[in-house]
Amino acid sequence: MAPQISYTATKNPIKKKLSFIEGGHQLEKLEFALAVAQTKGDEEKSLVLRKKIIELGGNVEEPGT
């Protein structure tokens, strides 16, 4: 009898990386919206956007990287 090789597929490892990229893109959009709101002097909108940025984990990268 030939040896049997078992294979268990891993759960989509790419999904984690894609979700990180999508989250990073969403973070960039929120930061841009925050900059626009601050430029216009809209404190209420700025506060809401800051909370959303914190919920996403904030910006863990240094600027320009």
PDB file of N, CA and C in Angstrom:
ATOM      1  N   MET A   1       0.837  -1.184   0.000  1.00  0.00           N
ATOM      2  CA  MET A   1       0.000   0.000   0.000  1.00  0.00           C
ATOM      3  C   MET A   1       0.883   1.249   0.000  1.00  0.00           C
ATOM      4  N   ALA A   2       0.591   2.208  -0.857  1.00  0.00           N
ATOM      5  CA  ALA A   2       1.373   3.434  -0.959  1.00  0.00           C
ATOM      6  C   ALA A   2       1.077   4.351   0.222  1.00  0.00           C
ATOM      7  N   PRO A   3       2.102   5.066   0.684  1.00  0.00           N
ATOM      8  CA  PRO A   3       1.848   5.997   1.790  1.00  0.00           C
ATOM      9  C   PRO A   3       0.863   7.085   1.368  1.00  0.00           C
ATOM     10  N   GLN A   4       0.064   7.483   2.302  1.00  0.00           N
ATOM     11  CA  GLN A   4      -0.959   8.490   1.999  1.00  0.00           C
ATOM     12  C   GLN A   4      -0.483   9.844   2.522  1.00  0.00           C
ATOM     13  N   ILE A   5      -0.555  10.839   1.691  1.00  0.00           N
ATOM     14  CA  ILE A   5      -0.151  12.192   2.078  1.00  0.00           C
ATOM     15  C   ILE A   5      -1.406  12.999   2.335  1.00  0.00           C
ATOM     16  N   SER A   6      -1.476  13.558   3.527  1.00  0.00           N
ATOM     17  CA  SER A   6      -2.651  14.377   3.830  1.00  0.00           C
ATOM     18  C   SER A   6      -2.326  15.842   3.601  1.00  0.00           C
ATOM     19  N   TYR A   7      -3.301  16.542   3.176  1.00  0.00           N
ATOM     20  CA  TYR A   7      -3.131  17.975   2.903  1.00  0.00           C
ATOM     21  C   TYR A   7      -4.310  18.721   3.504  1.00  0.00           C
ATOM     22  N   THR A   8      -4.005  19.703   4.318  1.00  0.00           N
ATOM     23  CA  THR A   8      -5.061  20.560   4.852  1.00  0.00           C
ATOM     24  C   THR A   8      -4.796  21.972   4.358  1.00  0.00           C
ATOM     25  N   ALA A   9      -5.726  22.469   3.624  1.00  0.00           N
ATOM     26  CA  ALA A   9      -5.576  23.813   3.059  1.00  0.00           C
ATOM     27  C   ALA A   9      -5.675  24.857   4.166  1.00  0.00           C
ATOM     28  N   THR A  10      -4.819  25.846   4.066  1.00  0.00           N
ATOM     29  CA  THR A  10      -4.886  26.942   5.021  1.00  0.00           C
ATOM     30  C   THR A  10      -5.991  27.897   4.601  1.00  0.00           C
ATOM     31  N   LYS A  11      -6.560  28.550   5.549  1.00  0.00           N
ATOM     32  CA  LYS A  11      -7.593  29.532   5.220  1.00  0.00           C
ATOM     33  C   LYS A  11      -6.928  30.703   4.523  1.00  0.00           C
ATOM     34  N   ASN A  12      -7.422  31.069   3.430  1.00  0.00           N
ATOM     35  CA  ASN A  12      -6.954  32.139   2.559  1.00  0.00           C
ATOM     36  C   ASN A  12      -5.952  33.086   3.224  1.00  0.00           C
ATOM     37  N   PRO A  13      -4.635  32.805   3.151  1.00  0.00           N
ATOM     38  CA  PRO A  13      -3.646  33.672   3.779  1.00  0.00           C
ATOM     39  C   PRO A  13      -3.547  35.037   3.109  1.00  0.00           C
ATOM     40  N   ILE A  14      -3.973  35.130   1.867  1.00  0.00           N
ATOM     41  CA  ILE A  14      -3.896  36.400   1.148  1.00  0.00           C
ATOM     42  C   ILE A  14      -4.920  37.397   1.687  1.00  0.00           C
ATOM     43  N   LYS A  15      -6.036  36.895   2.178  1.00  0.00           N
ATOM     44  CA  LYS A  15      -7.101  37.766   2.657  1.00  0.00           C
ATOM     45  C   LYS A  15      -6.607  38.714   3.753  1.00  0.00           C
ATOM     46  N   LYS A  16      -5.766  38.209   4.662  1.00  0.00           N
ATOM     47  CA  LYS A  16      -5.242  39.045   5.730  1.00  0.00           C
ATOM     48  C   LYS A  16      -4.427  40.202   5.149  1.00  0.00           C
ATOM     49  N   LYS A  17      -3.591  39.895   4.172  1.00  0.00           N
ATOM     50  CA  LYS A  17      -2.771  40.929   3.566  1.00  0.00           C
ATOM     51  C   LYS A  17      -3.643  41.948   2.827  1.00  0.00           C
ATOM     52  N   LEU A  18      -4.649  41.458   2.097  1.00  0.00           N
ATOM     53  CA  LEU A  18      -5.530  42.371   1.371  1.00  0.00           C
ATOM     54  C   LEU A  18      -6.313  43.251   2.330  1.00  0.00           C
ATOM     55  N   SER A  19      -6.766  42.685   3.438  1.00  0.00           N
ATOM     56  CA  SER A  19      -7.523  43.497   4.384  1.00  0.00           C
ATOM     57  C   SER A  19      -6.626  44.571   4.982  1.00  0.00           C
ATOM     58  N   PHE A  20      -5.340  44.265   5.170  1.00  0.00           N
ATOM     59  CA  PHE A  20      -4.411  45.278   5.666  1.00  0.00           C
ATOM     60  C   PHE A  20      -4.256  46.400   4.653  1.00  0.00           C
ATOM     61  N   ILE A  21      -4.133  46.026   3.395  1.00  0.00           N
ATOM     62  CA  ILE A  21      -3.980  47.032   2.335  1.00  0.00           C
ATOM     63  C   ILE A  21      -5.240  47.887   2.240  1.00  0.00           C
ATOM     64  N   GLU A  22      -6.407  47.239   2.271  1.00  0.00           N
ATOM     65  CA  GLU A  22      -7.664  47.977   2.197  1.00  0.00           C
ATOM     66  C   GLU A  22      -7.811  48.901   3.401  1.00  0.00           C
ATOM     67  N   GLY A  23      -7.422  48.410   4.577  1.00  0.00           N
ATOM     68  CA  GLY A  23      -7.480  49.238   5.778  1.00  0.00           C
ATOM     69  C   GLY A  23      -6.550  50.429   5.671  1.00  0.00           C
ATOM     70  N   GLY A  24      -5.374  50.204   5.085  1.00  0.00           N
ATOM     71  CA  GLY A  24      -4.424  51.292   4.886  1.00  0.00           C
ATOM     72  C   GLY A  24      -4.969  52.331   3.923  1.00  0.00           C
ATOM     73  N   HIS A  25      -5.648  51.859   2.893  1.00  0.00           N
ATOM     74  CA  HIS A  25      -6.241  52.784   1.920  1.00  0.00           C
ATOM     75  C   HIS A  25      -7.357  53.596   2.580  1.00  0.00           C
ATOM     76  N   GLN A  26      -8.173  52.920   3.386  1.00  0.00           N
ATOM     77  CA  GLN A  26      -9.250  53.608   4.099  1.00  0.00           C
ATOM     78  C   GLN A  26      -8.667  54.640   5.057  1.00  0.00           C
ATOM     79  N   LEU A  27      -7.574  54.282   5.712  1.00  0.00           N
ATOM     80  CA  LEU A  27      -6.913  55.206   6.637  1.00  0.00           C
ATOM     81  C   LEU A  27      -6.416  56.447   5.896  1.00  0.00           C
ATOM     82  N   GLU A  28      -5.831  56.258   4.735  1.00  0.00           N
ATOM     83  CA  GLU A  28      -5.366  57.394   3.930  1.00  0.00           C
ATOM     84  C   GLU A  28      -6.520  58.318   3.557  1.00  0.00           C
ATOM     85  N   LYS A  29      -7.643  57.727   3.178  1.00  0.00           N
ATOM     86  CA  LYS A  29      -8.810  58.530   2.803  1.00  0.00           C
ATOM     87  C   LYS A  29      -9.314  59.342   3.996  1.00  0.00           C
ATOM     88  N   LEU A  30      -9.347  58.705   5.179  1.00  0.00           N
ATOM     89  CA  LEU A  30      -9.808  59.413   6.373  1.00  0.00           C
ATOM     90  C   LEU A  30      -8.845  60.538   6.747  1.00  0.00           C
ATOM     91  N   GLU A  31      -7.549  60.282   6.625  1.00  0.00           N
ATOM     92  CA  GLU A  31      -6.565  61.320   6.943  1.00  0.00           C
ATOM     93  C   GLU A  31      -6.681  62.499   5.989  1.00  0.00           C
ATOM     94  N   PHE A  32      -6.939  62.217   4.727  1.00  0.00           N
ATOM     95  CA  PHE A  32      -7.121  63.297   3.762  1.00  0.00           C
ATOM     96  C   PHE A  32      -8.370  64.109   4.096  1.00  0.00           C
ATOM     97  N   ALA A  33      -9.457  63.391   4.415  1.00  0.00           N
ATOM     98  CA  ALA A  33     -10.697  64.078   4.789  1.00  0.00           C
ATOM     99  C   ALA A  33     -10.492  64.915   6.049  1.00  0.00           C
ATOM    100  N   LEU A  34      -9.698  64.404   6.979  1.00  0.00           N
ATOM    101  CA  LEU A  34      -9.395  65.156   8.198  1.00  0.00           C
ATOM    102  C   LEU A  34      -8.633  66.436   7.860  1.00  0.00           C
ATOM    103  N   ALA A  35      -7.662  66.335   6.967  1.00  0.00           N
ATOM    104  CA  ALA A  35      -6.899  67.519   6.571  1.00  0.00           C
ATOM    105  C   ALA A  35      -7.805  68.561   5.926  1.00  0.00           C
ATOM    106  N   VAL A  36      -8.736  68.117   5.098  1.00  0.00           N
ATOM    107  CA  VAL A  36      -9.674  69.042   4.446  1.00  0.00           C
ATOM    108  C   VAL A  36     -10.571  69.697   5.496  1.00  0.00           C
ATOM    109  N   ALA A  37     -11.089  68.896   6.431  1.00  0.00           N
ATOM    110  CA  ALA A  37     -11.971  69.429   7.474  1.00  0.00           C
ATOM    111  C   ALA A  37     -11.236  70.444   8.353  1.00  0.00           C
ATOM    112  N   GLN A  38      -9.983  70.151   8.673  1.00  0.00           N
ATOM    113  CA  GLN A  38      -9.206  71.087   9.484  1.00  0.00           C
ATOM    114  C   GLN A  38      -8.933  72.376   8.726  1.00  0.00           C
ATOM    115  N   THR A  39      -8.673  72.260   7.432  1.00  0.00           N
ATOM    116  CA  THR A  39      -8.429  73.443   6.613  1.00  0.00           C
ATOM    117  C   THR A  39      -9.664  74.340   6.572  1.00  0.00           C
ATOM    118  N   LYS A  40     -10.844  73.714   6.516  1.00  0.00           N
ATOM    119  CA  LYS A  40     -12.096  74.472   6.487  1.00  0.00           C
ATOM    120  C   LYS A  40     -12.508  74.955   7.874  1.00  0.00           C
ATOM    121  N   GLY A  41     -11.831  74.443   8.915  1.00  0.00           N
ATOM    122  CA  GLY A  41     -12.167  74.848  10.271  1.00  0.00           C
ATOM    123  C   GLY A  41     -13.372  74.126  10.850  1.00  0.00           C
ATOM    124  N   ASP A  42     -13.710  72.972  10.312  1.00  0.00           N
ATOM    125  CA  ASP A  42     -14.869  72.202  10.767  1.00  0.00           C
ATOM    126  C   ASP A  42     -14.437  71.288  11.912  1.00  0.00           C
ATOM    127  N   GLU A  43     -14.568  71.785  13.142  1.00  0.00           N
ATOM    128  CA  GLU A  43     -14.113  71.039  14.315  1.00  0.00           C
ATOM    129  C   GLU A  43     -14.941  69.780  14.569  1.00  0.00           C
ATOM    130  N   GLU A  44     -16.246  69.855  14.341  1.00  0.00           N
ATOM    131  CA  GLU A  44     -17.112  68.698  14.584  1.00  0.00           C
ATOM    132  C   GLU A  44     -16.736  67.538  13.663  1.00  0.00           C
ATOM    133  N   LYS A  45     -16.569  67.831  12.388  1.00  0.00           N
ATOM    134  CA  LYS A  45     -16.183  66.801  11.416  1.00  0.00           C
ATOM    135  C   LYS A  45     -14.778  66.278  11.718  1.00  0.00           C
ATOM    136  N   SER A  46     -13.879  67.154  12.140  1.00  0.00           N
ATOM    137  CA  SER A  46     -12.525  66.744  12.487  1.00  0.00           C
ATOM    138  C   SER A  46     -12.533  65.747  13.630  1.00  0.00           C
ATOM    139  N   LEU A  47     -13.352  65.995  14.630  1.00  0.00           N
ATOM    140  CA  LEU A  47     -13.449  65.111  15.779  1.00  0.00           C
ATOM    141  C   LEU A  47     -13.965  63.727  15.363  1.00  0.00           C
ATOM    142  N   VAL A  48     -14.993  63.703  14.525  1.00  0.00           N
ATOM    143  CA  VAL A  48     -15.551  62.433  14.043  1.00  0.00           C
ATOM    144  C   VAL A  48     -14.492  61.659  13.254  1.00  0.00           C
ATOM    145  N   LEU A  49     -13.766  62.357  12.389  1.00  0.00           N
ATOM    146  CA  LEU A  49     -12.749  61.695  11.573  1.00  0.00           C
ATOM    147  C   LEU A  49     -11.598  61.175  12.429  1.00  0.00           C
ATOM    148  N   ARG A  50     -11.195  61.940  13.435  1.00  0.00           N
ATOM    149  CA  ARG A  50     -10.132  61.471  14.343  1.00  0.00           C
ATOM    150  C   ARG A  50     -10.550  60.185  15.046  1.00  0.00           C
ATOM    151  N   LYS A  51     -11.807  60.103  15.478  1.00  0.00           N
ATOM    152  CA  LYS A  51     -12.304  58.895  16.145  1.00  0.00           C
ATOM    153  C   LYS A  51     -12.261  57.702  15.190  1.00  0.00           C
ATOM    154  N   LYS A  52     -12.644  57.920  13.926  1.00  0.00           N
ATOM    155  CA  LYS A  52     -12.619  56.834  12.949  1.00  0.00           C
ATOM    156  C   LYS A  52     -11.192  56.370  12.680  1.00  0.00           C
ATOM    157  N   ILE A  53     -10.249  57.304  12.636  1.00  0.00           N
ATOM    158  CA  ILE A  53      -8.840  56.959  12.423  1.00  0.00           C
ATOM    159  C   ILE A  53      -8.332  56.125  13.588  1.00  0.00           C
ATOM    160  N   ILE A  54      -8.697  56.500  14.798  1.00  0.00           N
ATOM    161  CA  ILE A  54      -8.285  55.737  15.980  1.00  0.00           C
ATOM    162  C   ILE A  54      -8.889  54.339  15.949  1.00  0.00           C
ATOM    163  N   GLU A  55     -10.148  54.213  15.526  1.00  0.00           N
ATOM    164  CA  GLU A  55     -10.804  52.903  15.429  1.00  0.00           C
ATOM    165  C   GLU A  55     -10.078  51.981  14.456  1.00  0.00           C
ATOM    166  N   LEU A  56      -9.512  52.553  13.391  1.00  0.00           N
ATOM    167  CA  LEU A  56      -8.769  51.740  12.426  1.00  0.00           C
ATOM    168  C   LEU A  56      -7.366  51.408  12.926  1.00  0.00           C
ATOM    169  N   GLY A  57      -6.976  51.984  14.038  1.00  0.00           N
ATOM    170  CA  GLY A  57      -5.662  51.686  14.597  1.00  0.00           C
ATOM    171  C   GLY A  57      -4.665  52.807  14.401  1.00  0.00           C
ATOM    172  N   GLY A  58      -5.105  53.911  13.874  1.00  0.00           N
ATOM    173  CA  GLY A  58      -4.192  55.039  13.672  1.00  0.00           C
ATOM    174  C   GLY A  58      -3.169  54.738  12.599  1.00  0.00           C
ATOM    175  N   ASN A  59      -2.292  55.647  12.381  1.00  0.00           N
ATOM    176  CA  ASN A  59      -1.260  55.477  11.378  1.00  0.00           C
ATOM    177  C   ASN A  59      -0.011  54.906  12.037  1.00  0.00           C
ATOM    178  N   VAL A  60       0.314  53.643  11.740  1.00  0.00           N
ATOM    179  CA  VAL A  60       1.464  52.982  12.342  1.00  0.00           C
ATOM    180  C   VAL A  60       2.735  53.213  11.536  1.00  0.00           C
ATOM    181  N   GLU A  61       2.617  53.767  10.372  1.00  0.00           N
ATOM    182  CA  GLU A  61       3.792  54.057   9.548  1.00  0.00           C
ATOM    183  C   GLU A  61       4.227  55.493   9.755  1.00  0.00           C
ATOM    184  N   GLU A  62       5.516  55.688   9.530  1.00  0.00           N
ATOM    185  CA  GLU A  62       6.023  57.054   9.585  1.00  0.00           C
ATOM    186  C   GLU A  62       5.611  57.766   8.305  1.00  0.00           C
ATOM    187  N   PRO A  63       5.414  59.087   8.365  1.00  0.00           N
ATOM    188  CA  PRO A  63       5.040  59.824   7.151  1.00  0.00           C
ATOM    189  C   PRO A  63       6.069  59.626   6.039  1.00  0.00           C
ATOM    190  N   GLY A  64       5.578  59.426   4.844  1.00  0.00           N
ATOM    191  CA  GLY A  64       6.452  59.291   3.688  1.00  0.00           C
ATOM    192  C   GLY A  64       6.997  57.893   3.460  1.00  0.00           C
ATOM    193  N   THR A  65       6.517  56.906   4.244  1.00  0.00           N
ATOM    194  CA  THR A  65       7.030  55.540   4.031  1.00  0.00           C
ATOM    195  C   THR A  65       6.002  54.680   3.367  1.00  0.00           C
TER     196      THR A  65
END
